[in-house]
Amino acid sequence: MRKKALITGITGQDGSYLAEFLLSRDYEVHGIIRRASTFNTERIDHIYIDFHYPEARLFLHYGDLSDSGQLSNLIYNIQPDEIYHLGAQSHVRVSFDIPEYTGDITALGTTRLLEAIRRSGIKTRFYQASSSEMFGDAQPPQNEQTPFKPCSPYAAAKVYAYWMVRNYREGYNLFASNGILFNHESPRRGETFVSRKITRGLVKIMRGEQDFLYLGNLKARRDWGFAPEYAEAMWLILQQEIPDDYVIGTGESHSVQEFVESAFSYAGLDWKKYVRIDPRYFRPKEVDNLIASIDKAKRKLGWMPRITFEKLIKIMVDADMRKEGLKPKGEGDSIITREFSNKWWKKD
């Protein structure tokens, strides 16, 4: 019997990679999308087959994390074996501007899904996309035992969702696990996130389409990984016999400035000539340093990252160059070929 998975946030970076990964493992995949007057399915168009065709295994359903009734209907009618909850208002800086909405979607959206599972009575496995931002200014490196010290409305909402997962697991015996993922980037990353903003802005400068790249805090240090590998980790978390919580990252920390330097250097440009600081991009409360300690993931999941900082940047710059009609430098493409002999995703 073919397994069924339900994904919230399927049109985002993580959701699109996860859907593609699950299809490669012969799953039937269902995704929840919001109704919009414009198409927002670009990241999954290449894997979508019209449902009129018998070979279709990806199905999209209208819904919203604020609509508990529709969430309940979808879960009861689809009867998924696995639920991957990736949907959220996921931009940290924006969460300071819309804290109430962030709480409603990112925090209470998780509760609505957990309650829908409990009330439906179905047997399913639930994955919650937790975030390294929950650690805030806790002393690095951070692992599963590190106390949370959230420094943004987004992080606070994720902490609430994390503890709701724990409560439903322990109180109602749900198979519910948290994946505490550190920064994970890719060519599919949204263009307002700093990693993609850098690589895309760099290519725009190379094409003569913009003069400067405006950024905020260059000193912030993060643990940067490659999103397709993190999609595999999500799946591994739900394949365990016992539900649990796992930190996923690379164990390396690099600043935003290092990201800029490396990207511009790869393209043969001096970053100092093109990067400008705009105070509007600073957060009211900054998080200085996040570094994952992944001993538990290595030991229990057998998961290890293959792509680290320098490789990630080359992959992203090559992809953005190709997308903008420039010939890629080629090192990033070579890294993908070398590291992923069984590559399951079909486009950048």
C-alpha atoms as a PDB file:
ATOM      1  CA  MET A   1       0.000   0.000   0.000  1.00  0.00           C
ATOM      2  CA  ARG A   2       1.405   3.389  -1.047  1.00  0.00           C
ATOM      3  CA  LYS A   3       1.957   5.784   1.863  1.00  0.00           C
ATOM      4  CA  LYS A   4       0.152   9.128   1.927  1.00  0.00           C
ATOM      5  CA  ALA A   5       1.701  12.351   3.209  1.00  0.00           C
ATOM      6  CA  LEU A   6       0.109  15.740   3.856  1.00  0.00           C
ATOM      7  CA  ILE A   7       2.318  18.841   3.700  1.00  0.00           C
ATOM      8  CA  THR A   8       1.497  22.341   4.872  1.00  0.00           C
ATOM      9  CA  GLY A   9       3.675  24.991   3.267  1.00  0.00           C
ATOM     10  CA  ILE A  10       4.143  22.823   0.182  1.00  0.00           C
ATOM     11  CA  THR A  11       4.774  25.812  -2.107  1.00  0.00           C
ATOM     12  CA  GLY A  12       7.702  27.050  -0.014  1.00  0.00           C
ATOM     13  CA  GLN A  13      11.352  26.079  -0.252  1.00  0.00           C
ATOM     14  CA  ASP A  14      11.162  23.203   2.231  1.00  0.00           C
ATOM     15  CA  GLY A  15       7.737  21.996   1.160  1.00  0.00           C
ATOM     16  CA  SER A  16       8.701  21.790  -2.492  1.00  0.00           C
ATOM     17  CA  TYR A  17      11.861  19.796  -1.792  1.00  0.00           C
ATOM     18  CA  LEU A  18      10.056  17.506   0.641  1.00  0.00           C
ATOM     19  CA  ALA A  19       7.228  16.847  -1.827  1.00  0.00           C
ATOM     20  CA  GLU A  20       9.762  15.974  -4.522  1.00  0.00           C
ATOM     21  CA  PHE A  21      11.668  13.713  -2.134  1.00  0.00           C
ATOM     22  CA  LEU A  22       8.520  11.863  -1.041  1.00  0.00           C
ATOM     23  CA  LEU A  23       7.413  11.387  -4.654  1.00  0.00           C
ATOM     24  CA  SER A  24      10.830   9.872  -5.371  1.00  0.00           C
ATOM     25  CA  ARG A  25      10.028   7.347  -2.619  1.00  0.00           C
ATOM     26  CA  ASP A  26       6.683   6.469  -4.200  1.00  0.00           C
ATOM     27  CA  TYR A  27       4.454   8.395  -1.770  1.00  0.00           C
ATOM     28  CA  GLU A  28       1.103   9.911  -2.637  1.00  0.00           C
ATOM     29  CA  VAL A  29       1.549  13.545  -1.631  1.00  0.00           C
ATOM     30  CA  HIS A  30      -1.137  16.033  -0.642  1.00  0.00           C
ATOM     31  CA  GLY A  31      -0.433  19.708  -0.101  1.00  0.00           C
ATOM     32  CA  ILE A  32      -2.426  22.545   1.418  1.00  0.00           C
ATOM     33  CA  ILE A  33      -2.320  25.827  -0.502  1.00  0.00           C
ATOM     34  CA  ARG A  34      -3.999  29.169   0.072  1.00  0.00           C
ATOM     35  CA  ARG A  35      -6.367  30.567  -2.535  1.00  0.00           C
ATOM     36  CA  ALA A  36      -4.807  33.489  -4.383  1.00  0.00           C
ATOM     37  CA  SER A  37      -5.617  35.438  -7.542  1.00  0.00           C
ATOM     38  CA  THR A  38      -2.092  34.791  -8.829  1.00  0.00           C
ATOM     39  CA  PHE A  39      -0.299  31.450  -9.118  1.00  0.00           C
ATOM     40  CA  ASN A  40       2.197  30.739  -6.336  1.00  0.00           C
ATOM     41  CA  THR A  41       3.103  27.150  -7.214  1.00  0.00           C
ATOM     42  CA  GLU A  42       6.278  27.840  -9.204  1.00  0.00           C
ATOM     43  CA  ARG A  43       8.454  25.661  -6.962  1.00  0.00           C
ATOM     44  CA  ILE A  44       6.306  22.559  -7.522  1.00  0.00           C
ATOM     45  CA  ASP A  45       5.073  23.059 -11.100  1.00  0.00           C
ATOM     46  CA  HIS A  46       7.737  20.688 -12.436  1.00  0.00           C
ATOM     47  CA  ILE A  47       6.458  17.784 -10.305  1.00  0.00           C
ATOM     48  CA  TYR A  48       2.740  18.416 -10.673  1.00  0.00           C
ATOM     49  CA  ILE A  49       0.666  16.193 -12.984  1.00  0.00           C
ATOM     50  CA  ASP A  50      -2.981  17.061 -13.623  1.00  0.00           C
ATOM     51  CA  PHE A  51      -5.175  14.924 -11.388  1.00  0.00           C
ATOM     52  CA  HIS A  52      -7.159  13.698 -14.399  1.00  0.00           C
ATOM     53  CA  TYR A  53      -4.184  11.523 -15.361  1.00  0.00           C
ATOM     54  CA  PRO A  54      -3.837   8.137 -13.612  1.00  0.00           C
ATOM     55  CA  GLU A  55      -0.134   8.661 -12.891  1.00  0.00           C
ATOM     56  CA  ALA A  56      -0.848  11.752 -10.763  1.00  0.00           C
ATOM     57  CA  ARG A  57       0.467  11.383  -7.196  1.00  0.00           C
ATOM     58  CA  LEU A  58       0.565  15.033  -6.088  1.00  0.00           C
ATOM     59  CA  PHE A  59      -2.737  16.612  -5.085  1.00  0.00           C
ATOM     60  CA  LEU A  60      -3.333  20.177  -3.907  1.00  0.00           C
ATOM     61  CA  HIS A  61      -6.138  21.303  -1.602  1.00  0.00           C
ATOM     62  CA  TYR A  62      -7.273  24.761  -0.602  1.00  0.00           C
ATOM     63  CA  GLY A  63      -6.951  25.536   3.077  1.00  0.00           C
ATOM     64  CA  ASP A  64      -5.474  27.906   5.607  1.00  0.00           C
ATOM     65  CA  LEU A  65      -3.766  27.454   8.968  1.00  0.00           C
ATOM     66  CA  SER A  66      -6.300  29.876  10.451  1.00  0.00           C
ATOM     67  CA  ASP A  67      -9.242  27.655   9.390  1.00  0.00           C
ATOM     68  CA  SER A  68      -9.528  24.769  11.853  1.00  0.00           C
ATOM     69  CA  GLY A  69     -12.664  23.392  10.206  1.00  0.00           C
ATOM     70  CA  GLN A  70     -11.032  22.921   6.817  1.00  0.00           C
ATOM     71  CA  LEU A  71      -7.877  21.487   8.408  1.00  0.00           C
ATOM     72  CA  SER A  72     -10.027  18.910  10.196  1.00  0.00           C
ATOM     73  CA  ASN A  73     -11.881  18.043   6.992  1.00  0.00           C
ATOM     74  CA  LEU A  74      -8.665  17.547   5.039  1.00  0.00           C
ATOM     75  CA  ILE A  75      -7.016  15.379   7.677  1.00  0.00           C
ATOM     76  CA  TYR A  76     -10.125  13.223   8.113  1.00  0.00           C
ATOM     77  CA  ASN A  77     -10.740  12.797   4.374  1.00  0.00           C
ATOM     78  CA  ILE A  78      -7.137  12.268   3.257  1.00  0.00           C
ATOM     79  CA  GLN A  79      -6.204  10.011   6.196  1.00  0.00           C
ATOM     80  CA  PRO A  80      -2.466  10.686   5.761  1.00  0.00           C
ATOM     81  CA  ASP A  81       0.141   8.323   7.186  1.00  0.00           C
ATOM     82  CA  GLU A  82       2.449  11.279   7.758  1.00  0.00           C
ATOM     83  CA  ILE A  83       1.826  14.998   8.234  1.00  0.00           C
ATOM     84  CA  TYR A  84       4.639  17.490   7.709  1.00  0.00           C
ATOM     85  CA  HIS A  85       3.762  20.880   9.133  1.00  0.00           C
ATOM     86  CA  LEU A  86       6.039  23.384   7.398  1.00  0.00           C
ATOM     87  CA  GLY A  87       3.601  26.248   6.855  1.00  0.00           C
ATOM     88  CA  ALA A  88       4.096  29.458   8.852  1.00  0.00           C
ATOM     89  CA  GLN A  89       4.677  33.174   8.707  1.00  0.00           C
ATOM     90  CA  SER A  90       8.369  32.388   8.546  1.00  0.00           C
ATOM     91  CA  HIS A  91      10.169  35.713   8.120  1.00  0.00           C
ATOM     92  CA  VAL A  92      11.784  36.727  11.406  1.00  0.00           C
ATOM     93  CA  ARG A  93      12.180  40.440  10.675  1.00  0.00           C
ATOM     94  CA  VAL A  94       8.611  40.700   9.367  1.00  0.00           C
ATOM     95  CA  SER A  95       7.300  39.048  12.545  1.00  0.00           C
ATOM     96  CA  PHE A  96       8.144  42.253  14.439  1.00  0.00           C
ATOM     97  CA  ASP A  97       5.825  44.153  12.074  1.00  0.00           C
ATOM     98  CA  ILE A  98       2.961  41.632  12.245  1.00  0.00           C
ATOM     99  CA  PRO A  99       3.338  39.891  15.629  1.00  0.00           C
ATOM    100  CA  GLU A 100      -0.355  39.074  16.076  1.00  0.00           C
ATOM    101  CA  TYR A 101      -0.650  37.403  12.669  1.00  0.00           C
ATOM    102  CA  THR A 102       2.620  35.552  13.267  1.00  0.00           C
ATOM    103  CA  GLY A 103       1.234  34.152  16.514  1.00  0.00           C
ATOM    104  CA  ASP A 104      -2.074  33.168  14.935  1.00  0.00           C
ATOM    105  CA  ILE A 105      -0.497  31.281  12.028  1.00  0.00           C
ATOM    106  CA  THR A 106       2.872  30.086  13.326  1.00  0.00           C
ATOM    107  CA  ALA A 107       1.803  29.202  16.875  1.00  0.00           C
ATOM    108  CA  LEU A 108      -1.934  28.499  16.809  1.00  0.00           C
ATOM    109  CA  GLY A 109      -1.774  26.920  13.339  1.00  0.00           C
ATOM    110  CA  THR A 110       0.163  24.055  14.916  1.00  0.00           C
ATOM    111  CA  THR A 111      -2.408  23.684  17.674  1.00  0.00           C
ATOM    112  CA  ARG A 112      -5.231  23.541  15.127  1.00  0.00           C
ATOM    113  CA  LEU A 113      -3.500  20.695  13.296  1.00  0.00           C
ATOM    114  CA  LEU A 114      -2.728  18.737  16.461  1.00  0.00           C
ATOM    115  CA  GLU A 115      -6.300  19.133  17.675  1.00  0.00           C
ATOM    116  CA  ALA A 116      -7.636  18.042  14.273  1.00  0.00           C
ATOM    117  CA  ILE A 117      -5.514  14.882  14.505  1.00  0.00           C
ATOM    118  CA  ARG A 118      -6.688  14.183  18.055  1.00  0.00           C
ATOM    119  CA  ARG A 119     -10.359  14.689  17.263  1.00  0.00           C
ATOM    120  CA  SER A 120     -10.257  12.687  14.028  1.00  0.00           C
ATOM    121  CA  GLY A 121      -8.795   9.683  15.806  1.00  0.00           C
ATOM    122  CA  ILE A 122      -6.635   8.778  12.802  1.00  0.00           C
ATOM    123  CA  LYS A 123      -3.260   7.101  13.258  1.00  0.00           C
ATOM    124  CA  THR A 124      -0.676   9.386  11.728  1.00  0.00           C
ATOM    125  CA  ARG A 125       2.806  10.688  12.355  1.00  0.00           C
ATOM    126  CA  PHE A 126       3.249  14.448  12.772  1.00  0.00           C
ATOM    127  CA  TYR A 127       6.358  16.497  12.025  1.00  0.00           C
ATOM    128  CA  GLN A 128       6.633  20.052  13.339  1.00  0.00           C
ATOM    129  CA  ALA A 129       9.098  22.406  11.653  1.00  0.00           C
ATOM    130  CA  SER A 130      10.721  23.979  14.686  1.00  0.00           C
ATOM    131  CA  SER A 131      13.465  26.564  14.295  1.00  0.00           C
ATOM    132  CA  SER A 132      16.909  27.389  15.637  1.00  0.00           C
ATOM    133  CA  GLU A 133      15.548  30.906  16.218  1.00  0.00           C
ATOM    134  CA  MET A 134      13.888  29.457  19.340  1.00  0.00           C
ATOM    135  CA  PHE A 135      17.317  29.375  20.998  1.00  0.00           C
ATOM    136  CA  GLY A 136      17.720  33.125  20.591  1.00  0.00           C
ATOM    137  CA  ASP A 137      20.650  34.369  22.638  1.00  0.00           C
ATOM    138  CA  ALA A 138      21.277  31.044  24.388  1.00  0.00           C
ATOM    139  CA  GLN A 139      24.958  30.157  24.598  1.00  0.00           C
ATOM    140  CA  PRO A 140      26.171  28.233  21.501  1.00  0.00           C
ATOM    141  CA  PRO A 141      26.478  25.493  20.458  1.00  0.00           C
ATOM    142  CA  GLN A 142      22.816  24.589  20.899  1.00  0.00           C
ATOM    143  CA  ASN A 143      21.412  21.059  21.208  1.00  0.00           C
ATOM    144  CA  GLU A 144      18.130  19.399  22.202  1.00  0.00           C
ATOM    145  CA  GLN A 145      18.710  20.248  25.889  1.00  0.00           C
ATOM    146  CA  THR A 146      19.536  23.937  25.409  1.00  0.00           C
ATOM    147  CA  PRO A 147      16.908  26.214  27.021  1.00  0.00           C
ATOM    148  CA  PHE A 148      14.974  28.397  24.603  1.00  0.00           C
ATOM    149  CA  LYS A 149      15.451  32.175  24.826  1.00  0.00           C
ATOM    150  CA  PRO A 150      13.411  33.528  21.873  1.00  0.00           C
ATOM    151  CA  CYS A 151      14.252  37.011  20.623  1.00  0.00           C
ATOM    152  CA  SER A 152      11.428  37.672  18.128  1.00  0.00           C
ATOM    153  CA  PRO A 153       7.671  37.155  17.775  1.00  0.00           C
ATOM    154  CA  TYR A 154       8.455  34.422  15.226  1.00  0.00           C
ATOM    155  CA  ALA A 155      10.744  32.603  17.653  1.00  0.00           C
ATOM    156  CA  ALA A 156       8.231  32.942  20.502  1.00  0.00           C
ATOM    157  CA  ALA A 157       5.492  31.499  18.273  1.00  0.00           C
ATOM    158  CA  LYS A 158       7.748  28.580  17.341  1.00  0.00           C
ATOM    159  CA  VAL A 159       8.497  27.913  21.023  1.00  0.00           C
ATOM    160  CA  TYR A 160       4.758  27.764  21.734  1.00  0.00           C
ATOM    161  CA  ALA A 161       4.278  25.340  18.831  1.00  0.00           C
ATOM    162  CA  TYR A 162       7.214  23.203  20.009  1.00  0.00           C
ATOM    163  CA  TRP A 163       5.701  22.775  23.461  1.00  0.00           C
ATOM    164  CA  MET A 164       2.256  22.023  22.066  1.00  0.00           C
ATOM    165  CA  VAL A 165       3.805  19.173  20.096  1.00  0.00           C
ATOM    166  CA  ARG A 166       5.437  17.889  23.272  1.00  0.00           C
ATOM    167  CA  ASN A 167       2.170  18.211  25.188  1.00  0.00           C
ATOM    168  CA  TYR A 168       0.110  16.338  22.588  1.00  0.00           C
ATOM    169  CA  ARG A 169       2.779  13.656  22.361  1.00  0.00           C
ATOM    170  CA  GLU A 170       2.935  13.121  26.103  1.00  0.00           C
ATOM    171  CA  GLY A 171      -0.701  13.865  26.938  1.00  0.00           C
ATOM    172  CA  TYR A 172      -2.522  12.143  24.048  1.00  0.00           C
ATOM    173  CA  ASN A 173       0.141   9.662  22.913  1.00  0.00           C
ATOM    174  CA  LEU A 174       0.361  11.210  19.438  1.00  0.00           C
ATOM    175  CA  PHE A 175       3.350  10.367  17.284  1.00  0.00           C
ATOM    176  CA  ALA A 176       4.537  13.963  17.088  1.00  0.00           C
ATOM    177  CA  SER A 177       8.137  15.083  16.642  1.00  0.00           C
ATOM    178  CA  ASN A 178       9.963  18.401  16.410  1.00  0.00           C
ATOM    179  CA  GLY A 179      12.746  18.995  13.916  1.00  0.00           C
ATOM    180  CA  ILE A 180      14.764  21.957  15.194  1.00  0.00           C
ATOM    181  CA  LEU A 181      16.319  23.032  11.915  1.00  0.00           C
ATOM    182  CA  PHE A 182      19.072  25.610  11.709  1.00  0.00           C
ATOM    183  CA  ASN A 183      19.363  27.879   8.654  1.00  0.00           C
ATOM    184  CA  HIS A 184      19.006  25.877   5.455  1.00  0.00           C
ATOM    185  CA  GLU A 185      19.231  27.583   2.090  1.00  0.00           C
ATOM    186  CA  SER A 186      18.964  26.744  -1.593  1.00  0.00           C
ATOM    187  CA  PRO A 187      18.228  28.252  -5.003  1.00  0.00           C
ATOM    188  CA  ARG A 188      14.541  27.928  -4.056  1.00  0.00           C
ATOM    189  CA  ARG A 189      14.905  30.151  -0.993  1.00  0.00           C
ATOM    190  CA  GLY A 190      12.547  33.141  -0.950  1.00  0.00           C
ATOM    191  CA  GLU A 191      14.100  36.297  -2.363  1.00  0.00           C
ATOM    192  CA  THR A 192      13.609  38.338   0.825  1.00  0.00           C
ATOM    193  CA  PHE A 193      15.665  35.918   2.954  1.00  0.00           C
ATOM    194  CA  VAL A 194      19.211  37.173   3.398  1.00  0.00           C
ATOM    195  CA  SER A 195      21.044  34.257   1.737  1.00  0.00           C
ATOM    196  CA  ARG A 196      19.042  34.463  -1.491  1.00  0.00           C
ATOM    197  CA  LYS A 197      18.947  38.235  -1.306  1.00  0.00           C
ATOM    198  CA  ILE A 198      22.760  38.162  -1.423  1.00  0.00           C
ATOM    199  CA  THR A 199      23.168  35.673  -4.283  1.00  0.00           C
ATOM    200  CA  ARG A 200      20.357  37.156  -6.359  1.00  0.00           C
ATOM    201  CA  GLY A 201      21.526  40.726  -5.703  1.00  0.00           C
ATOM    202  CA  LEU A 202      25.047  39.749  -6.711  1.00  0.00           C
ATOM    203  CA  VAL A 203      23.844  38.408 -10.045  1.00  0.00           C
ATOM    204  CA  LYS A 204      21.717  41.523 -10.638  1.00  0.00           C
ATOM    205  CA  ILE A 205      24.857  43.608 -10.083  1.00  0.00           C
ATOM    206  CA  MET A 206      26.786  41.398 -12.525  1.00  0.00           C
ATOM    207  CA  ARG A 207      24.064  42.014 -15.115  1.00  0.00           C
ATOM    208  CA  GLY A 208      24.160  45.761 -14.520  1.00  0.00           C
ATOM    209  CA  GLU A 209      20.566  45.775 -13.271  1.00  0.00           C
ATOM    210  CA  GLN A 210      21.312  47.198  -9.828  1.00  0.00           C
ATOM    211  CA  ASP A 211      24.162  49.228  -8.369  1.00  0.00           C
ATOM    212  CA  PHE A 212      24.135  48.222  -4.718  1.00  0.00           C
ATOM    213  CA  LEU A 213      23.009  45.469  -2.370  1.00  0.00           C
ATOM    214  CA  TYR A 214      21.335  46.761   0.799  1.00  0.00           C
ATOM    215  CA  LEU A 215      21.634  44.589   3.912  1.00  0.00           C
ATOM    216  CA  GLY A 216      21.196  44.834   7.676  1.00  0.00           C
ATOM    217  CA  ASN A 217      23.310  43.245  10.414  1.00  0.00           C
ATOM    218  CA  LEU A 218      26.437  41.734   8.837  1.00  0.00           C
ATOM    219  CA  LYS A 219      27.767  40.446  12.178  1.00  0.00           C
ATOM    220  CA  ALA A 220      24.974  37.924  12.849  1.00  0.00           C
ATOM    221  CA  ARG A 221      26.373  34.388  12.752  1.00  0.00           C
ATOM    222  CA  ARG A 222      24.351  31.395  11.598  1.00  0.00           C
ATOM    223  CA  ASP A 223      24.732  27.689  10.900  1.00  0.00           C
ATOM    224  CA  TRP A 224      24.035  27.485   7.131  1.00  0.00           C
ATOM    225  CA  GLY A 225      23.050  24.205   5.440  1.00  0.00           C
ATOM    226  CA  PHE A 226      21.555  22.937   2.165  1.00  0.00           C
ATOM    227  CA  ALA A 227      17.749  22.578   2.128  1.00  0.00           C
ATOM    228  CA  PRO A 228      17.401  19.268   0.185  1.00  0.00           C
ATOM    229  CA  GLU A 229      19.453  17.487   2.850  1.00  0.00           C
ATOM    230  CA  TYR A 230      17.193  18.914   5.540  1.00  0.00           C
ATOM    231  CA  ALA A 231      14.120  17.574   3.714  1.00  0.00           C
ATOM    232  CA  GLU A 232      15.672  14.119   3.978  1.00  0.00           C
ATOM    233  CA  ALA A 233      16.178  14.692   7.721  1.00  0.00           C
ATOM    234  CA  MET A 234      12.480  15.550   8.156  1.00  0.00           C
ATOM    235  CA  TRP A 235      11.535  12.224   6.611  1.00  0.00           C
ATOM    236  CA  LEU A 236      14.047  10.308   8.737  1.00  0.00           C
ATOM    237  CA  ILE A 237      12.577  11.849  11.903  1.00  0.00           C
ATOM    238  CA  LEU A 238       9.169  10.322  11.125  1.00  0.00           C
ATOM    239  CA  GLN A 239      10.641   6.906  10.301  1.00  0.00           C
ATOM    240  CA  GLN A 240      11.833   6.324  13.877  1.00  0.00           C
ATOM    241  CA  GLU A 241      10.062   3.877  16.189  1.00  0.00           C
ATOM    242  CA  ILE A 242       9.575   6.477  18.910  1.00  0.00           C
ATOM    243  CA  PRO A 243       8.658  10.165  18.400  1.00  0.00           C
ATOM    244  CA  ASP A 244      11.348  12.562  19.560  1.00  0.00           C
ATOM    245  CA  ASP A 245      12.943  15.959  18.927  1.00  0.00           C
ATOM    246  CA  TYR A 246      16.104  16.516  16.882  1.00  0.00           C
ATOM    247  CA  VAL A 247      18.495  19.378  16.126  1.00  0.00           C
ATOM    248  CA  ILE A 248      19.538  19.497  12.458  1.00  0.00           C
ATOM    249  CA  GLY A 249      22.445  21.636  11.235  1.00  0.00           C
ATOM    250  CA  THR A 250      26.073  21.554  10.096  1.00  0.00           C
ATOM    251  CA  GLY A 251      27.933  22.406  13.308  1.00  0.00           C
ATOM    252  CA  GLU A 252      29.621  25.413  11.658  1.00  0.00           C
ATOM    253  CA  SER A 253      28.890  29.092  12.229  1.00  0.00           C
ATOM    254  CA  HIS A 254      29.558  31.905   9.745  1.00  0.00           C
ATOM    255  CA  SER A 255      28.540  35.564   9.699  1.00  0.00           C
ATOM    256  CA  VAL A 256      26.377  37.283   7.105  1.00  0.00           C
ATOM    257  CA  GLN A 257      29.484  39.245   6.139  1.00  0.00           C
ATOM    258  CA  GLU A 258      31.346  35.982   5.465  1.00  0.00           C
ATOM    259  CA  PHE A 259      28.443  34.915   3.245  1.00  0.00           C
ATOM    260  CA  VAL A 260      28.707  38.177   1.292  1.00  0.00           C
ATOM    261  CA  GLU A 261      32.498  37.971   1.015  1.00  0.00           C
ATOM    262  CA  SER A 262      32.416  34.380  -0.212  1.00  0.00           C
ATOM    263  CA  ALA A 263      29.654  34.974  -2.773  1.00  0.00           C
ATOM    264  CA  PHE A 264      31.245  38.103  -4.264  1.00  0.00           C
ATOM    265  CA  SER A 265      34.699  36.517  -4.260  1.00  0.00           C
ATOM    266  CA  TYR A 266      33.356  33.503  -6.164  1.00  0.00           C
ATOM    267  CA  ALA A 267      31.992  35.915  -8.784  1.00  0.00           C
ATOM    268  CA  GLY A 268      35.270  37.861  -8.907  1.00  0.00           C
ATOM    269  CA  LEU A 269      33.901  41.075  -7.357  1.00  0.00           C
ATOM    270  CA  ASP A 270      34.924  43.202  -4.363  1.00  0.00           C
ATOM    271  CA  TRP A 271      31.897  43.192  -2.054  1.00  0.00           C
ATOM    272  CA  LYS A 272      32.878  46.445  -0.348  1.00  0.00           C
ATOM    273  CA  LYS A 273      32.180  48.358  -3.566  1.00  0.00           C
ATOM    274  CA  TYR A 274      28.597  47.183  -3.762  1.00  0.00           C
ATOM    275  CA  VAL A 275      27.199  46.451  -0.279  1.00  0.00           C
ATOM    276  CA  ARG A 276      25.434  49.162   1.709  1.00  0.00           C
ATOM    277  CA  ILE A 277      23.932  48.967   5.205  1.00  0.00           C
ATOM    278  CA  ASP A 278      20.299  49.969   5.690  1.00  0.00           C
ATOM    279  CA  PRO A 279      19.251  50.270   9.372  1.00  0.00           C
ATOM    280  CA  ARG A 280      15.674  49.371   8.414  1.00  0.00           C
ATOM    281  CA  TYR A 281      16.803  45.763   7.989  1.00  0.00           C
ATOM    282  CA  PHE A 282      18.041  45.459  11.572  1.00  0.00           C
ATOM    283  CA  ARG A 283      15.826  43.570  13.996  1.00  0.00           C
ATOM    284  CA  PRO A 284      14.663  45.302  17.204  1.00  0.00           C
ATOM    285  CA  LYS A 285      16.356  42.427  19.060  1.00  0.00           C
ATOM    286  CA  GLU A 286      19.201  40.583  17.351  1.00  0.00           C
ATOM    287  CA  VAL A 287      20.350  36.977  17.662  1.00  0.00           C
ATOM    288  CA  ASP A 288      24.142  36.916  17.597  1.00  0.00           C
ATOM    289  CA  ASN A 289      25.244  33.321  17.104  1.00  0.00           C
ATOM    290  CA  LEU A 290      23.533  30.011  16.335  1.00  0.00           C
ATOM    291  CA  ILE A 291      25.528  26.763  15.998  1.00  0.00           C
ATOM    292  CA  ALA A 292      23.947  23.304  15.899  1.00  0.00           C
ATOM    293  CA  SER A 293      25.223  20.385  17.930  1.00  0.00           C
ATOM    294  CA  ILE A 294      23.975  17.393  15.911  1.00  0.00           C
ATOM    295  CA  ASP A 295      25.337  14.414  17.867  1.00  0.00           C
ATOM    296  CA  LYS A 296      21.837  13.031  18.437  1.00  0.00           C
ATOM    297  CA  ALA A 297      20.864  13.273  14.744  1.00  0.00           C
ATOM    298  CA  LYS A 298      24.101  11.546  13.740  1.00  0.00           C
ATOM    299  CA  ARG A 299      23.610   8.781  16.294  1.00  0.00           C
ATOM    300  CA  LYS A 300      19.890   8.077  15.983  1.00  0.00           C
ATOM    301  CA  LEU A 301      19.008   9.180  12.446  1.00  0.00           C
ATOM    302  CA  GLY A 302      22.314   8.400  10.769  1.00  0.00           C
ATOM    303  CA  TRP A 303      22.082  11.874   9.237  1.00  0.00           C
ATOM    304  CA  MET A 304      25.146  13.893   8.263  1.00  0.00           C
ATOM    305  CA  PRO A 305      25.329  17.028   6.080  1.00  0.00           C
ATOM    306  CA  ARG A 306      27.358  16.831   2.886  1.00  0.00           C
ATOM    307  CA  ILE A 307      27.063  20.488   1.918  1.00  0.00           C
ATOM    308  CA  THR A 308      28.684  23.069   4.163  1.00  0.00           C
ATOM    309  CA  PHE A 309      29.121  26.815   3.916  1.00  0.00           C
ATOM    310  CA  GLU A 310      31.445  27.408   0.946  1.00  0.00           C
ATOM    311  CA  LYS A 311      29.836  24.687  -1.157  1.00  0.00           C
ATOM    312  CA  LEU A 312      26.354  26.048  -0.438  1.00  0.00           C
ATOM    313  CA  ILE A 313      27.259  29.529  -1.647  1.00  0.00           C
ATOM    314  CA  LYS A 314      28.726  28.253  -4.920  1.00  0.00           C
ATOM    315  CA  ILE A 315      25.608  26.154  -5.549  1.00  0.00           C
ATOM    316  CA  MET A 316      23.334  29.153  -4.991  1.00  0.00           C
ATOM    317  CA  VAL A 317      25.389  31.609  -7.062  1.00  0.00           C
ATOM    318  CA  ASP A 318      25.575  29.167  -9.982  1.00  0.00           C
ATOM    319  CA  ALA A 319      21.812  28.646  -9.859  1.00  0.00           C
ATOM    320  CA  ASP A 320      21.023  32.369  -9.766  1.00  0.00           C
ATOM    321  CA  MET A 321      23.424  33.020 -12.628  1.00  0.00           C
ATOM    322  CA  ARG A 322      21.667  30.379 -14.711  1.00  0.00           C
ATOM    323  CA  LYS A 323      18.255  31.758 -13.785  1.00  0.00           C
ATOM    324  CA  GLU A 324      19.285  35.248 -14.906  1.00  0.00           C
ATOM    325  CA  GLY A 325      20.730  34.064 -18.215  1.00  0.00           C
ATOM    326  CA  LEU A 326      24.425  34.126 -17.286  1.00  0.00           C
ATOM    327  CA  LYS A 327      26.827  31.223 -17.691  1.00  0.00           C
ATOM    328  CA  PRO A 328      27.452  29.733 -14.212  1.00  0.00           C
ATOM    329  CA  LYS A 329      30.976  29.604 -12.829  1.00  0.00           C
ATOM    330  CA  GLY A 330      30.468  25.850 -12.634  1.00  0.00           C
ATOM    331  CA  GLU A 331      31.941  24.879  -9.275  1.00  0.00           C
ATOM    332  CA  GLY A 332      28.515  24.759  -7.612  1.00  0.00           C
ATOM    333  CA  ASP A 333      27.114  22.510 -10.331  1.00  0.00           C
ATOM    334  CA  SER A 334      30.143  20.222 -10.006  1.00  0.00           C
ATOM    335  CA  ILE A 335      29.592  19.984  -6.243  1.00  0.00           C
ATOM    336  CA  ILE A 336      25.994  18.823  -6.783  1.00  0.00           C
ATOM    337  CA  THR A 337      27.125  16.192  -9.297  1.00  0.00           C
ATOM    338  CA  ARG A 338      29.911  14.977  -7.027  1.00  0.00           C
ATOM    339  CA  GLU A 339      28.012  14.900  -3.721  1.00  0.00           C
ATOM    340  CA  PHE A 340      24.630  13.600  -4.928  1.00  0.00           C
ATOM    341  CA  SER A 341      24.996  10.611  -7.233  1.00  0.00           C
ATOM    342  CA  ASN A 342      21.361   9.737  -6.445  1.00  0.00           C
ATOM    343  CA  LYS A 343      20.028  13.308  -6.793  1.00  0.00           C
ATOM    344  CA  TRP A 344      16.232  13.190  -6.516  1.00  0.00           C
ATOM    345  CA  TRP A 345      15.339  16.857  -7.200  1.00  0.00           C
ATOM    346  CA  LYS A 346      15.011  17.804 -10.844  1.00  0.00           C
ATOM    347  CA  LYS A 347      15.534  21.566 -10.888  1.00  0.00           C
ATOM    348  CA  ASP A 348      17.375  24.273  -8.935  1.00  0.00           C
END
